[in-house]
């Protein structure tokens, strides 16, 4: 689906592909943005506070998530949420590319 140079590198083996954004009609939010995080085998995201609330969807593959101190397996088509300032580290421990689709809810 994505080539090795699509999007921008956000960590070694991890690329962000911005898909689009628009105005939100959800109370408390001004903008929504859609992006894919493309993770190569054995790659890992960095641990930093979430800048905004978001809805995440495992579009393809599988990731191990360390979410606020708890380990969770995210399988294809699973959906979860993250609140602003929460922490999550995603690790691709498989031998195939994983794609996490994120809808950012921006105030």
N, C-alpha and C. Protein backbone atom coordinates (compact mmCIF):
# COMPACT_ATOMS: atom_id res chain seq x y z
N UNK A 1 0.81 -1.19 0.00
CA UNK A 1 0.00 0.00 0.00
C UNK A 1 0.87 1.27 0.00
N UNK A 2 1.89 1.31 0.84
CA UNK A 2 2.78 2.47 0.91
C UNK A 2 4.18 2.07 0.51
N UNK A 3 4.87 2.98 -0.14
CA UNK A 3 6.27 2.78 -0.48
C UNK A 3 7.17 3.15 0.69
N UNK A 4 8.44 2.80 0.62
CA UNK A 4 9.36 3.04 1.73
C UNK A 4 9.62 4.52 2.03
N UNK A 5 9.30 5.40 1.10
CA UNK A 5 9.54 6.83 1.31
C UNK A 5 8.27 7.66 1.42
N UNK A 6 7.11 7.00 1.48
CA UNK A 6 5.85 7.75 1.62
C UNK A 6 5.77 8.36 3.02
N UNK A 7 5.21 9.55 3.10
CA UNK A 7 5.06 10.22 4.38
C UNK A 7 6.39 10.72 4.92
N UNK A 8 6.43 10.88 6.24
CA UNK A 8 7.66 11.36 6.88
C UNK A 8 8.05 10.41 8.00
N UNK A 9 9.35 10.24 8.19
CA UNK A 9 9.83 9.35 9.24
C UNK A 9 9.67 10.03 10.59
N UNK A 10 9.04 9.33 11.56
CA UNK A 10 8.83 9.87 12.90
C UNK A 10 9.64 9.10 13.94
N UNK A 11 10.16 7.95 13.58
CA UNK A 11 11.06 7.12 14.39
C UNK A 11 11.68 6.13 13.42
N UNK A 12 12.79 5.48 13.77
CA UNK A 12 13.38 4.51 12.85
C UNK A 12 12.38 3.41 12.47
N UNK A 13 12.11 3.28 11.16
CA UNK A 13 11.18 2.27 10.66
C UNK A 13 9.71 2.63 10.82
N UNK A 14 9.45 3.87 11.25
CA UNK A 14 8.07 4.33 11.47
C UNK A 14 7.84 5.59 10.66
N UNK A 15 6.80 5.54 9.79
CA UNK A 15 6.50 6.70 8.94
C UNK A 15 5.05 7.13 9.16
N UNK A 16 4.83 8.44 9.09
CA UNK A 16 3.48 9.00 9.21
C UNK A 16 3.05 9.51 7.84
N UNK A 17 1.88 9.03 7.40
CA UNK A 17 1.32 9.48 6.13
C UNK A 17 0.04 10.25 6.44
N UNK A 18 0.05 11.55 6.21
CA UNK A 18 -1.12 12.39 6.46
C UNK A 18 -2.13 12.19 5.33
N UNK A 19 -3.39 11.90 5.69
CA UNK A 19 -4.42 11.58 4.71
C UNK A 19 -5.40 12.71 4.46
N UNK A 20 -5.61 13.59 5.44
CA UNK A 20 -6.53 14.70 5.24
C UNK A 20 -7.02 15.26 6.56
N UNK A 21 -7.64 16.42 6.48
CA UNK A 21 -8.21 17.04 7.67
C UNK A 21 -9.38 17.92 7.28
N UNK A 22 -10.22 18.22 8.28
CA UNK A 22 -11.38 19.05 8.02
C UNK A 22 -11.97 19.55 9.33
N UNK A 23 -12.98 20.41 9.22
CA UNK A 23 -13.61 20.95 10.43
C UNK A 23 -14.41 19.87 11.15
N UNK A 24 -14.44 19.96 12.48
CA UNK A 24 -15.19 19.01 13.29
C UNK A 24 -16.54 19.60 13.67
N UNK A 25 -17.54 18.75 13.76
CA UNK A 25 -18.86 19.17 14.26
C UNK A 25 -19.13 18.54 15.63
N UNK A 26 -18.10 17.91 16.21
CA UNK A 26 -18.19 17.31 17.54
C UNK A 26 -17.94 18.43 18.55
N UNK A 27 -18.83 18.62 19.52
CA UNK A 27 -18.62 19.69 20.50
C UNK A 27 -17.26 19.55 21.20
N UNK A 28 -16.56 20.67 21.32
CA UNK A 28 -15.26 20.69 21.99
C UNK A 28 -14.07 20.51 21.06
N UNK A 29 -14.34 20.23 19.78
CA UNK A 29 -13.25 20.01 18.83
C UNK A 29 -13.46 20.90 17.60
N UNK A 30 -12.36 21.48 17.11
CA UNK A 30 -12.42 22.36 15.94
C UNK A 30 -12.07 21.64 14.65
N UNK A 31 -11.14 20.67 14.75
CA UNK A 31 -10.60 20.03 13.55
C UNK A 31 -10.42 18.53 13.79
N UNK A 32 -10.62 17.74 12.74
CA UNK A 32 -10.25 16.32 12.76
C UNK A 32 -9.20 16.10 11.68
N UNK A 33 -8.25 15.22 11.97
CA UNK A 33 -7.19 14.92 11.01
C UNK A 33 -7.04 13.41 10.96
N UNK A 34 -6.88 12.87 9.75
CA UNK A 34 -6.71 11.44 9.55
C UNK A 34 -5.29 11.17 9.06
N UNK A 35 -4.63 10.18 9.71
CA UNK A 35 -3.25 9.83 9.31
C UNK A 35 -3.01 8.35 9.54
N UNK A 36 -2.07 7.79 8.80
CA UNK A 36 -1.64 6.42 8.98
C UNK A 36 -0.23 6.41 9.55
N UNK A 37 0.00 5.53 10.50
CA UNK A 37 1.34 5.28 11.01
C UNK A 37 1.74 3.92 10.45
N UNK A 38 2.76 3.91 9.62
CA UNK A 38 3.23 2.71 8.92
C UNK A 38 4.48 2.22 9.64
N UNK A 39 4.39 1.01 10.22
CA UNK A 39 5.48 0.49 11.04
C UNK A 39 6.09 -0.76 10.42
N UNK A 40 7.38 -0.69 10.17
CA UNK A 40 8.12 -1.83 9.64
C UNK A 40 8.33 -2.86 10.74
N UNK A 41 8.62 -4.12 10.38
CA UNK A 41 8.91 -5.14 11.39
C UNK A 41 10.01 -4.67 12.34
N UNK A 42 9.84 -4.97 13.61
CA UNK A 42 10.80 -4.63 14.68
C UNK A 42 10.97 -3.14 14.91
N UNK A 43 9.99 -2.33 14.50
CA UNK A 43 10.06 -0.90 14.77
C UNK A 43 9.23 -0.56 16.00
N UNK A 44 9.43 0.66 16.50
CA UNK A 44 8.79 1.08 17.75
C UNK A 44 8.59 2.58 17.74
N UNK A 45 7.46 3.05 18.26
CA UNK A 45 7.23 4.48 18.39
C UNK A 45 7.88 4.98 19.68
N UNK A 46 8.02 6.28 19.80
CA UNK A 46 8.60 6.86 21.01
C UNK A 46 7.50 7.09 22.05
N UNK A 47 7.90 7.18 23.30
CA UNK A 47 6.96 7.44 24.39
C UNK A 47 6.90 8.95 24.63
N UNK A 48 5.77 9.51 24.28
CA UNK A 48 5.55 10.94 24.54
C UNK A 48 4.06 11.15 24.80
N UNK A 49 3.71 12.20 25.51
CA UNK A 49 2.29 12.43 25.78
C UNK A 49 1.51 12.68 24.49
N UNK A 50 0.30 12.15 24.43
CA UNK A 50 -0.56 12.38 23.27
C UNK A 50 -0.92 13.87 23.23
N UNK A 51 -0.75 14.52 22.07
CA UNK A 51 -1.01 15.96 22.00
C UNK A 51 -2.50 16.31 21.97
N UNK A 52 -3.34 15.30 21.71
CA UNK A 52 -4.79 15.53 21.62
C UNK A 52 -5.50 14.18 21.76
N UNK A 53 -6.80 14.22 21.90
CA UNK A 53 -7.60 12.98 21.92
C UNK A 53 -7.57 12.37 20.52
N UNK A 54 -7.67 11.04 20.46
CA UNK A 54 -7.64 10.38 19.16
C UNK A 54 -8.36 9.03 19.22
N UNK A 55 -8.81 8.61 18.04
CA UNK A 55 -9.39 7.29 17.85
C UNK A 55 -8.43 6.54 16.93
N UNK A 56 -8.00 5.34 17.35
CA UNK A 56 -7.04 4.56 16.58
C UNK A 56 -7.69 3.29 16.06
N UNK A 57 -7.25 2.87 14.88
CA UNK A 57 -7.78 1.67 14.23
C UNK A 57 -6.60 0.89 13.66
N UNK A 58 -6.53 -0.39 13.95
CA UNK A 58 -5.48 -1.25 13.40
C UNK A 58 -5.92 -1.65 11.99
N UNK A 59 -5.45 -0.90 10.99
CA UNK A 59 -5.87 -1.12 9.61
C UNK A 59 -5.29 -2.39 9.01
N UNK A 60 -4.05 -2.73 9.41
CA UNK A 60 -3.43 -3.94 8.89
C UNK A 60 -2.32 -4.36 9.83
N UNK A 61 -2.12 -5.65 9.95
CA UNK A 61 -1.06 -6.17 10.78
C UNK A 61 -1.45 -6.25 12.25
N UNK A 62 -0.43 -6.24 13.10
CA UNK A 62 -0.62 -6.38 14.54
C UNK A 62 0.47 -5.62 15.27
N UNK A 63 0.11 -4.98 16.36
CA UNK A 63 1.06 -4.25 17.18
C UNK A 63 0.91 -4.65 18.64
N UNK A 64 1.98 -4.51 19.39
CA UNK A 64 1.91 -4.61 20.84
C UNK A 64 1.93 -3.18 21.36
N UNK A 65 0.94 -2.83 22.18
CA UNK A 65 0.84 -1.48 22.73
C UNK A 65 1.16 -1.50 24.21
N UNK A 66 1.99 -0.57 24.64
CA UNK A 66 2.18 -0.30 26.05
C UNK A 66 1.42 0.99 26.29
N UNK A 67 0.23 0.85 26.84
CA UNK A 67 -0.71 1.97 26.95
C UNK A 67 -0.91 2.29 28.43
N UNK A 68 -0.34 3.43 28.85
CA UNK A 68 -0.43 3.86 30.24
C UNK A 68 -0.04 2.73 31.20
N UNK A 69 1.05 2.03 30.87
CA UNK A 69 1.59 1.00 31.75
C UNK A 69 1.03 -0.40 31.55
N UNK A 70 0.03 -0.58 30.68
CA UNK A 70 -0.56 -1.89 30.44
C UNK A 70 -0.22 -2.35 29.02
N UNK A 71 0.11 -3.64 28.88
CA UNK A 71 0.42 -4.19 27.56
C UNK A 71 -0.85 -4.76 26.93
N UNK A 72 -1.10 -4.35 25.69
CA UNK A 72 -2.29 -4.76 24.95
C UNK A 72 -1.86 -5.20 23.55
N UNK A 73 -2.43 -6.27 23.04
CA UNK A 73 -2.21 -6.69 21.65
C UNK A 73 -3.29 -6.05 20.78
N UNK A 74 -2.87 -5.30 19.77
CA UNK A 74 -3.82 -4.68 18.83
C UNK A 74 -3.80 -5.49 17.54
N UNK A 75 -4.92 -6.11 17.22
CA UNK A 75 -5.06 -6.95 16.03
C UNK A 75 -5.81 -6.19 14.94
N UNK A 76 -5.72 -6.70 13.72
CA UNK A 76 -6.39 -6.08 12.57
C UNK A 76 -7.86 -5.78 12.88
N UNK A 77 -8.30 -4.58 12.54
CA UNK A 77 -9.65 -4.05 12.71
C UNK A 77 -10.03 -3.70 14.15
N UNK A 78 -9.11 -3.81 15.09
CA UNK A 78 -9.39 -3.39 16.46
C UNK A 78 -9.38 -1.86 16.52
N UNK A 79 -10.24 -1.30 17.37
CA UNK A 79 -10.35 0.15 17.54
C UNK A 79 -10.15 0.47 19.02
N UNK A 80 -9.43 1.56 19.31
CA UNK A 80 -9.25 2.02 20.69
C UNK A 80 -9.09 3.53 20.69
N UNK A 81 -9.13 4.12 21.86
CA UNK A 81 -9.02 5.57 21.99
C UNK A 81 -7.86 5.93 22.91
N UNK A 82 -7.39 7.15 22.74
CA UNK A 82 -6.36 7.72 23.61
C UNK A 82 -6.81 9.12 24.01
N UNK A 83 -6.63 9.46 25.26
CA UNK A 83 -6.97 10.80 25.71
C UNK A 83 -5.74 11.70 25.65
N UNK A 84 -5.97 12.98 25.60
CA UNK A 84 -4.89 13.95 25.61
C UNK A 84 -4.00 13.70 26.82
N UNK A 85 -2.70 13.76 26.63
CA UNK A 85 -1.67 13.59 27.66
C UNK A 85 -1.48 12.15 28.12
N UNK A 86 -2.23 11.17 27.55
CA UNK A 86 -1.97 9.76 27.89
C UNK A 86 -0.70 9.32 27.16
N UNK A 87 -0.19 8.14 27.52
CA UNK A 87 1.04 7.63 26.92
C UNK A 87 0.78 6.29 26.25
N UNK A 88 1.42 6.08 25.09
CA UNK A 88 1.32 4.81 24.38
C UNK A 88 2.58 4.60 23.57
N UNK A 89 3.14 3.41 23.65
CA UNK A 89 4.27 3.01 22.80
C UNK A 89 3.80 1.81 21.99
N UNK A 90 3.91 1.89 20.68
CA UNK A 90 3.53 0.79 19.79
C UNK A 90 4.80 0.11 19.29
N UNK A 91 4.79 -1.23 19.32
CA UNK A 91 5.93 -2.02 18.84
C UNK A 91 5.42 -3.06 17.85
N UNK A 92 6.07 -3.13 16.68
CA UNK A 92 5.74 -4.15 15.70
C UNK A 92 6.71 -5.31 15.89
N UNK A 93 6.27 -6.35 16.58
CA UNK A 93 7.11 -7.52 16.85
C UNK A 93 6.93 -8.61 15.79
N UNK A 94 6.17 -8.32 14.73
CA UNK A 94 5.91 -9.31 13.69
C UNK A 94 6.91 -9.14 12.55
N UNK A 95 6.80 -10.00 11.54
CA UNK A 95 7.69 -9.92 10.38
C UNK A 95 7.01 -9.27 9.18
N UNK A 96 5.90 -8.51 9.43
CA UNK A 96 5.24 -7.81 8.33
C UNK A 96 4.90 -6.38 8.75
N UNK A 97 4.66 -5.54 7.76
CA UNK A 97 4.32 -4.14 7.99
C UNK A 97 2.97 -4.05 8.71
N UNK A 98 2.87 -3.12 9.65
CA UNK A 98 1.63 -2.85 10.36
C UNK A 98 1.21 -1.41 10.09
N UNK A 99 -0.10 -1.18 9.95
CA UNK A 99 -0.61 0.16 9.71
C UNK A 99 -1.66 0.50 10.76
N UNK A 100 -1.39 1.55 11.52
CA UNK A 100 -2.32 2.07 12.50
C UNK A 100 -2.91 3.37 11.95
N UNK A 101 -4.22 3.42 11.79
CA UNK A 101 -4.90 4.61 11.29
C UNK A 101 -5.39 5.41 12.49
N UNK A 102 -5.10 6.70 12.50
CA UNK A 102 -5.45 7.56 13.63
C UNK A 102 -6.33 8.71 13.16
N UNK A 103 -7.42 8.93 13.89
CA UNK A 103 -8.24 10.12 13.72
C UNK A 103 -7.95 11.03 14.90
N UNK A 104 -7.27 12.14 14.65
CA UNK A 104 -6.97 13.10 15.69
C UNK A 104 -8.14 14.04 15.87
N UNK A 105 -8.54 14.24 17.13
CA UNK A 105 -9.61 15.18 17.49
C UNK A 105 -8.92 16.39 18.13
N UNK A 106 -8.88 17.51 17.42
CA UNK A 106 -8.10 18.65 17.85
C UNK A 106 -9.01 19.80 18.29
N UNK A 107 -8.74 20.26 19.52
CA UNK A 107 -9.54 21.35 20.10
C UNK A 107 -9.17 22.69 19.49
